[in-house]
Amino acid sequence: MMNFTFRQLKAFEAVARHLSFTRASQELHLTQPAVSMQIKQLEEHAGLPLFEQVGKRIFLTEAGREMYHYSQAISAQLSELEMVLDELKGFSRGRLTIAVASTANYFVPRLIAAFCHRHSNVSVTLEVTNRESLLSLLSANAMDLAIMGQPPDKELVAHPFMENPLVMIAPPDHPLTREHSIPLERLRSEPFILREPGSGTRGAAERFFEQHGEQLLPTQVMHSSEAIKQAVEAGLGLGILSLHTLEMELALGRLAVLDVAGFPIRRHWYLVHPQGKRFSRVGQAFLDFTLREASGILRLPTLEAAGAPSAQVPGTKASGRKKSRA
């Protein structure tokens, strides 16, 4: 009889999902040697290797694939048990696990704070990650809910709950801040700083340019909105980011939003969960709360003082210019 621990199983599941000890250790907030030790101990209990290394990559062995299948089933059963026990305790207590795209972390803490203010005994675990890891967590049913931009059309239920306009930003002294209805072809010679491939923000921007017969090629790629904002402020190029990430910089006049034809790019934030997800009372309450009240709790920054007086988003005064529905 195998005498493994749930900690070992959790470490194995993370490594198997990412096929990377480094990314698993980041997700679990453990050191890489600690994760390696958990896997080694689990392999000793199994009596078989669970991973094999080919070059610099690791792969599941046949035993590893079987272990991964059953570890997912065990994790799902444990989550369901925890949910049932929370329900027996009553809604006054409970635990909520949420994964969010890194861009959404600019506003999600305020949403969680408002929810916890009403339900003070609810504990929340927040996982902030990139789009790829977020989709892996959803696939493994490792979270109650996820918050992200445009979700993929596969075995997921997505509830839109708030506007997520993408705007083009520049340093406040950039010559383009004095122009209006800037055509996309006018930007061909401008350097752009974009998120990494696979980012939802980058994907939406690239699709927008393609739909208008233009190509968006980055001169620099950065893995966070914060890095892009600092690079744009330093004058390294233009950027395209969610308006939700810019509240402080616009208020302080560190960045300006350009009035580009067709912008802002219209998007939404979504609450996402797998098809057939069985929610705890806490999870269902947070879902209902967000769909009902998020738009009133979370306010978009206004653009009047951001260098683009005619670039309007929902909730600001209409300019009379026809809006693109990209």
Protein backbone atom coordinates (compact mmCIF):
# COMPACT_ATOMS: atom_id res chain seq x y z
CA MET A 1 0.00 0.00 0.00
CA MET A 2 1.38 3.40 -1.01
CA ASN A 3 2.06 5.67 1.94
CA PHE A 4 2.25 9.03 0.17
CA THR A 5 1.16 12.36 1.59
CA PHE A 6 -1.25 14.87 0.10
CA ARG A 7 1.60 17.38 -0.01
CA GLN A 8 3.59 15.02 -2.24
CA LEU A 9 0.57 14.48 -4.45
CA LYS A 10 -0.04 18.23 -4.76
CA ALA A 11 3.60 18.82 -5.73
CA PHE A 12 3.45 16.01 -8.29
CA GLU A 13 0.23 17.35 -9.80
CA ALA A 14 1.74 20.82 -10.25
CA VAL A 15 4.91 19.47 -11.90
CA ALA A 16 2.89 17.14 -14.12
CA ARG A 17 0.60 19.97 -15.22
CA HIS A 18 3.43 22.36 -16.07
CA LEU A 19 6.08 19.74 -16.96
CA SER A 20 8.40 22.10 -15.15
CA PHE A 21 9.82 22.00 -11.62
CA THR A 22 10.49 25.73 -11.75
CA ARG A 23 6.94 26.73 -12.64
CA ALA A 24 5.50 24.23 -10.16
CA SER A 25 7.63 25.67 -7.36
CA GLN A 26 6.43 29.18 -8.26
CA GLU A 27 2.79 28.07 -8.17
CA LEU A 28 3.23 26.28 -4.84
CA HIS A 29 5.39 29.05 -3.33
CA LEU A 30 8.08 26.50 -2.50
CA THR A 31 11.75 26.25 -3.41
CA GLN A 32 12.61 24.02 -6.35
CA PRO A 33 14.66 21.63 -4.14
CA ALA A 34 11.62 21.25 -1.84
CA VAL A 35 9.42 20.28 -4.79
CA SER A 36 12.08 17.87 -6.11
CA MET A 37 12.25 16.22 -2.68
CA GLN A 38 8.46 15.72 -2.62
CA ILE A 39 8.59 14.09 -6.07
CA LYS A 40 11.52 11.87 -5.09
CA GLN A 41 9.67 10.64 -2.00
CA LEU A 42 6.52 9.95 -4.04
CA GLU A 43 8.54 7.96 -6.59
CA GLU A 44 10.04 5.91 -3.75
CA HIS A 45 6.53 5.09 -2.51
CA ALA A 46 5.38 4.24 -6.05
CA GLY A 47 8.44 2.11 -6.76
CA LEU A 48 8.60 3.56 -10.29
CA PRO A 49 9.94 6.74 -11.89
CA LEU A 50 7.16 9.26 -12.60
CA PHE A 51 9.19 11.60 -14.83
CA GLU A 52 11.92 11.18 -17.39
CA GLN A 53 14.24 13.86 -18.70
CA VAL A 54 15.06 14.20 -22.40
CA GLY A 55 17.56 16.97 -22.97
CA LYS A 56 16.37 19.92 -20.93
CA ARG A 57 12.70 18.86 -20.95
CA ILE A 58 10.85 16.50 -18.64
CA PHE A 59 8.02 14.14 -19.57
CA LEU A 60 5.64 11.89 -17.67
CA THR A 61 6.46 8.20 -17.74
CA GLU A 62 3.65 5.67 -18.17
CA ALA A 63 3.48 5.39 -14.38
CA GLY A 64 3.48 9.19 -14.17
CA ARG A 65 0.53 9.46 -16.53
CA GLU A 66 -1.44 6.99 -14.42
CA MET A 67 -0.47 8.82 -11.24
CA TYR A 68 -1.56 12.14 -12.77
CA HIS A 69 -4.96 10.72 -13.75
CA TYR A 70 -5.66 9.44 -10.24
CA SER A 71 -4.15 12.47 -8.50
CA GLN A 72 -6.63 14.72 -10.30
CA ALA A 73 -9.49 12.49 -9.20
CA ILE A 74 -8.24 12.50 -5.59
CA SER A 75 -7.86 16.30 -5.61
CA ALA A 76 -11.38 16.73 -6.97
CA GLN A 77 -12.80 14.45 -4.27
CA LEU A 78 -10.94 16.32 -1.53
CA SER A 79 -12.19 19.67 -2.84
CA GLU A 80 -15.73 18.34 -2.90
CA LEU A 81 -15.37 17.02 0.66
CA GLU A 82 -14.08 20.38 1.85
CA MET A 83 -16.98 22.12 0.12
CA VAL A 84 -19.55 19.81 1.72
CA LEU A 85 -18.03 20.34 5.17
CA ASP A 86 -18.09 24.11 4.65
CA GLU A 87 -21.76 23.89 3.75
CA LEU A 88 -22.47 21.87 6.88
CA LYS A 89 -20.80 24.62 8.90
CA GLY A 90 -23.08 27.15 7.25
CA PHE A 91 -22.37 30.08 4.96
CA SER A 92 -21.00 32.12 7.86
CA ARG A 93 -17.71 30.32 7.22
CA GLY A 94 -16.00 28.97 4.14
CA ARG A 95 -13.01 29.20 1.83
CA LEU A 96 -12.84 30.66 -1.66
CA THR A 97 -10.00 30.08 -4.15
CA ILE A 98 -9.70 32.47 -7.08
CA ALA A 99 -7.15 32.60 -9.90
CA VAL A 100 -6.79 35.87 -11.79
CA ALA A 101 -4.86 37.08 -14.80
CA SER A 102 -2.07 39.41 -13.68
CA THR A 103 -3.77 42.45 -15.25
CA ALA A 104 -6.95 41.81 -13.24
CA ASN A 105 -4.98 42.04 -10.00
CA TYR A 106 -5.25 45.83 -10.27
CA PHE A 107 -8.91 45.70 -9.25
CA VAL A 108 -9.71 42.21 -7.91
CA PRO A 109 -8.48 42.93 -4.34
CA ARG A 110 -11.11 45.70 -4.07
CA LEU A 111 -13.79 43.29 -5.24
CA ILE A 112 -12.69 40.65 -2.73
CA ALA A 113 -12.55 43.25 0.05
CA ALA A 114 -16.13 44.30 -0.65
CA PHE A 115 -17.27 40.66 -0.59
CA CYS A 116 -15.39 39.85 2.62
CA HIS A 117 -16.80 42.98 4.27
CA ARG A 118 -20.21 41.32 4.00
CA HIS A 119 -18.97 37.83 4.85
CA SER A 120 -16.23 38.45 7.39
CA ASN A 121 -15.52 34.79 8.22
CA VAL A 122 -14.82 33.77 4.61
CA SER A 123 -11.14 33.21 3.80
CA VAL A 124 -9.91 33.84 0.26
CA THR A 125 -6.88 32.42 -1.54
CA LEU A 126 -5.88 34.54 -4.54
CA GLU A 127 -3.57 33.13 -7.23
CA VAL A 128 -2.20 35.77 -9.63
CA THR A 129 -0.69 34.24 -12.74
CA ASN A 130 -0.40 34.48 -16.50
CA ARG A 131 -3.02 33.29 -18.97
CA GLU A 132 -1.37 29.94 -19.70
CA SER A 133 -1.07 28.95 -16.05
CA LEU A 134 -4.59 30.20 -15.36
CA LEU A 135 -5.98 27.90 -18.05
CA SER A 136 -3.99 25.00 -16.56
CA LEU A 137 -5.53 25.66 -13.14
CA LEU A 138 -9.02 25.72 -14.68
CA SER A 139 -8.32 22.50 -16.57
CA ALA A 140 -7.26 20.80 -13.34
CA ASN A 141 -10.34 22.17 -11.51
CA ALA A 142 -7.89 23.58 -8.96
CA MET A 143 -9.77 26.84 -8.37
CA ASP A 144 -13.35 27.82 -7.59
CA LEU A 145 -13.34 30.63 -10.14
CA ALA A 146 -10.99 32.49 -12.44
CA ILE A 147 -11.07 36.09 -13.64
CA MET A 148 -9.58 36.79 -17.05
CA GLY A 149 -10.01 38.56 -20.37
CA GLN A 150 -11.35 36.72 -23.42
CA PRO A 151 -11.56 33.03 -22.42
CA PRO A 152 -11.04 30.19 -24.89
CA ASP A 153 -14.10 28.43 -26.29
CA LYS A 154 -13.50 25.03 -24.75
CA GLU A 155 -15.31 23.33 -21.88
CA LEU A 156 -15.49 26.58 -19.91
CA VAL A 157 -18.39 28.78 -18.82
CA ALA A 158 -17.62 32.50 -19.02
CA HIS A 159 -19.72 35.23 -17.39
CA PRO A 160 -18.93 38.79 -18.57
CA PHE A 161 -19.20 41.22 -15.67
CA MET A 162 -17.33 44.42 -16.53
CA GLU A 163 -15.90 46.42 -19.42
CA ASN A 164 -12.15 46.00 -20.05
CA PRO A 165 -11.13 48.63 -22.62
CA LEU A 166 -7.61 48.52 -24.02
CA VAL A 167 -5.99 51.90 -24.68
CA MET A 168 -2.79 53.05 -26.33
CA ILE A 169 -0.41 54.90 -24.03
CA ALA A 170 2.54 57.24 -24.54
CA PRO A 171 4.70 59.58 -22.46
CA PRO A 172 2.79 62.82 -21.76
CA ASP A 173 5.24 64.86 -23.88
CA HIS A 174 4.98 62.59 -26.95
CA PRO A 175 4.04 64.51 -30.15
CA LEU A 176 1.08 62.18 -30.80
CA THR A 177 -0.65 63.35 -27.61
CA ARG A 178 -1.52 66.56 -29.48
CA GLU A 179 -3.24 64.72 -32.37
CA HIS A 180 -6.80 63.43 -32.65
CA SER A 181 -8.28 60.38 -34.41
CA ILE A 182 -4.78 59.12 -35.22
CA PRO A 183 -5.00 56.57 -38.10
CA LEU A 184 -3.28 53.22 -37.54
CA GLU A 185 -1.02 53.70 -40.55
CA ARG A 186 0.37 56.79 -38.82
CA LEU A 187 1.81 54.44 -36.18
CA ARG A 188 3.85 52.20 -38.51
CA SER A 189 7.14 53.86 -37.61
CA GLU A 190 6.46 53.96 -33.88
CA PRO A 191 8.19 51.45 -31.56
CA PHE A 192 5.78 49.33 -29.52
CA ILE A 193 6.31 47.60 -26.18
CA LEU A 194 3.96 44.63 -25.80
CA ARG A 195 3.23 41.75 -23.45
CA GLU A 196 4.63 38.30 -24.13
CA PRO A 197 3.08 35.95 -26.75
CA GLY A 198 0.04 34.22 -25.26
CA SER A 199 -1.00 37.27 -23.26
CA GLY A 200 -4.68 38.10 -23.70
CA THR A 201 -3.91 41.83 -24.01
CA ARG A 202 -1.35 41.24 -26.75
CA GLY A 203 -3.62 38.83 -28.60
CA ALA A 204 -6.50 41.32 -28.63
CA ALA A 205 -4.23 44.13 -29.87
CA GLU A 206 -2.76 41.99 -32.64
CA ARG A 207 -6.21 40.89 -33.81
CA PHE A 208 -7.38 44.51 -33.86
CA PHE A 209 -4.49 45.62 -36.06
CA GLU A 210 -4.92 42.61 -38.39
CA GLN A 211 -8.65 43.34 -38.79
CA HIS A 212 -7.70 46.85 -39.93
CA GLY A 213 -5.03 45.68 -42.39
CA GLU A 214 -2.05 46.57 -40.23
CA GLN A 215 0.62 44.55 -38.46
CA LEU A 216 1.61 45.15 -34.86
CA LEU A 217 5.26 44.25 -34.29
CA PRO A 218 6.86 44.84 -30.90
CA THR A 219 10.33 46.29 -30.60
CA GLN A 220 10.42 45.07 -27.00
CA VAL A 221 8.51 42.38 -25.11
CA MET A 222 7.85 42.55 -21.37
CA HIS A 223 6.08 40.14 -19.04
CA SER A 224 4.13 42.56 -16.87
CA SER A 225 1.97 45.65 -17.21
CA GLU A 226 4.16 47.42 -14.66
CA ALA A 227 7.27 46.92 -16.79
CA ILE A 228 5.46 48.22 -19.89
CA LYS A 229 4.22 51.32 -18.06
CA GLN A 230 7.70 52.16 -16.82
CA ALA A 231 9.23 51.59 -20.27
CA VAL A 232 6.63 53.82 -21.94
CA GLU A 233 7.10 56.50 -19.31
CA ALA A 234 10.86 56.36 -20.00
CA GLY A 235 10.19 57.04 -23.69
CA LEU A 236 11.10 53.61 -25.10
CA GLY A 237 7.91 53.33 -27.16
CA LEU A 238 4.12 53.13 -27.14
CA GLY A 239 2.13 50.52 -25.23
CA ILE A 240 -1.33 48.96 -25.25
CA LEU A 241 -2.79 48.11 -21.85
CA SER A 242 -6.07 47.71 -20.03
CA LEU A 243 -7.39 51.03 -18.75
CA HIS A 244 -7.81 49.33 -15.35
CA THR A 245 -4.01 49.22 -14.95
CA LEU A 246 -3.48 52.96 -15.46
CA GLU A 247 -5.37 54.71 -12.67
CA MET A 248 -2.37 56.00 -10.74
CA GLU A 249 -0.24 56.95 -13.76
CA LEU A 250 -3.07 58.91 -15.39
CA ALA A 251 -3.93 60.70 -12.15
CA LEU A 252 -0.28 61.74 -11.68
CA GLY A 253 0.21 62.70 -15.33
CA ARG A 254 2.98 60.18 -15.89
CA LEU A 255 1.31 58.64 -18.95
CA ALA A 256 -1.15 59.83 -21.57
CA VAL A 257 -3.78 57.93 -23.53
CA LEU A 258 -3.58 58.51 -27.29
CA ASP A 259 -6.69 59.26 -29.35
CA VAL A 260 -6.24 56.51 -31.95
CA ALA A 261 -8.98 55.71 -34.46
CA GLY A 262 -10.93 52.64 -33.33
CA PHE A 263 -9.60 52.77 -29.77
CA PRO A 264 -10.33 51.82 -27.05
CA ILE A 265 -10.46 48.15 -28.07
CA ARG A 266 -13.69 46.82 -26.56
CA ARG A 267 -13.23 43.83 -24.28
CA HIS A 268 -14.75 42.44 -21.08
CA TRP A 269 -13.62 40.82 -17.89
CA TYR A 270 -15.06 37.35 -17.33
CA LEU A 271 -15.69 35.07 -14.39
CA VAL A 272 -14.74 31.63 -15.69
CA HIS A 273 -15.25 28.08 -14.42
CA PRO A 274 -15.34 24.58 -15.94
CA GLN A 275 -18.57 23.18 -17.35
CA GLY A 276 -20.55 21.35 -14.66
CA LYS A 277 -18.62 22.98 -11.81
CA ARG A 278 -20.26 22.26 -8.46
CA PHE A 279 -19.99 25.42 -6.39
CA SER A 280 -19.90 25.70 -2.64
CA ARG A 281 -22.30 28.21 -1.12
CA VAL A 282 -19.38 30.63 -0.80
CA GLY A 283 -18.37 30.17 -4.44
CA GLN A 284 -21.92 30.66 -5.68
CA ALA A 285 -22.30 33.73 -3.46
CA PHE A 286 -19.13 35.31 -4.89
CA LEU A 287 -20.25 34.56 -8.44
CA ASP A 288 -23.65 36.17 -7.83
CA PHE A 289 -22.09 39.10 -5.96
CA THR A 290 -19.62 39.86 -8.77
CA LEU A 291 -22.19 39.67 -11.57
CA ARG A 292 -24.59 41.87 -9.62
CA GLU A 293 -22.34 44.49 -8.05
CA ALA A 294 -18.85 44.61 -9.62
CA SER A 295 -19.66 47.43 -12.03
CA GLY A 296 -20.80 49.61 -9.13
CA ILE A 297 -17.78 48.84 -6.94
CA LEU A 298 -15.08 49.13 -9.60
CA ARG A 299 -14.82 52.37 -11.54
CA LEU A 300 -12.75 52.98 -14.66
CA PRO A 301 -10.33 55.91 -14.67
CA THR A 302 -11.57 58.86 -16.73
CA LEU A 303 -9.66 59.99 -19.79
CA GLU A 304 -10.34 63.72 -19.76
CA ALA A 305 -7.04 64.46 -18.02
CA ALA A 306 -5.11 61.66 -19.70
CA GLY A 307 -4.23 63.37 -22.96
CA ALA A 308 -7.07 61.95 -25.09
CA PRO A 309 -10.20 64.06 -24.49
CA SER A 310 -12.13 62.48 -27.36
CA ALA A 311 -11.26 58.84 -26.70
CA GLN A 312 -14.31 57.68 -24.80
CA VAL A 313 -15.05 54.53 -22.85
CA PRO A 314 -18.29 53.40 -21.20
CA GLY A 315 -19.16 55.66 -18.31
CA THR A 316 -17.55 58.81 -19.73
CA LYS A 317 -19.19 61.65 -21.56
CA ALA A 318 -19.87 60.82 -25.22
CA SER A 319 -17.87 62.73 -27.79
CA GLY A 320 -20.21 62.27 -30.73
CA ARG A 321 -17.56 60.35 -32.66
CA LYS A 322 -18.67 56.93 -33.85
CA LYS A 323 -17.14 54.16 -31.79
CA SER A 324 -15.42 51.17 -33.33
CA ARG A 325 -16.66 47.76 -32.26
CA ALA A 326 -13.38 45.93 -32.64
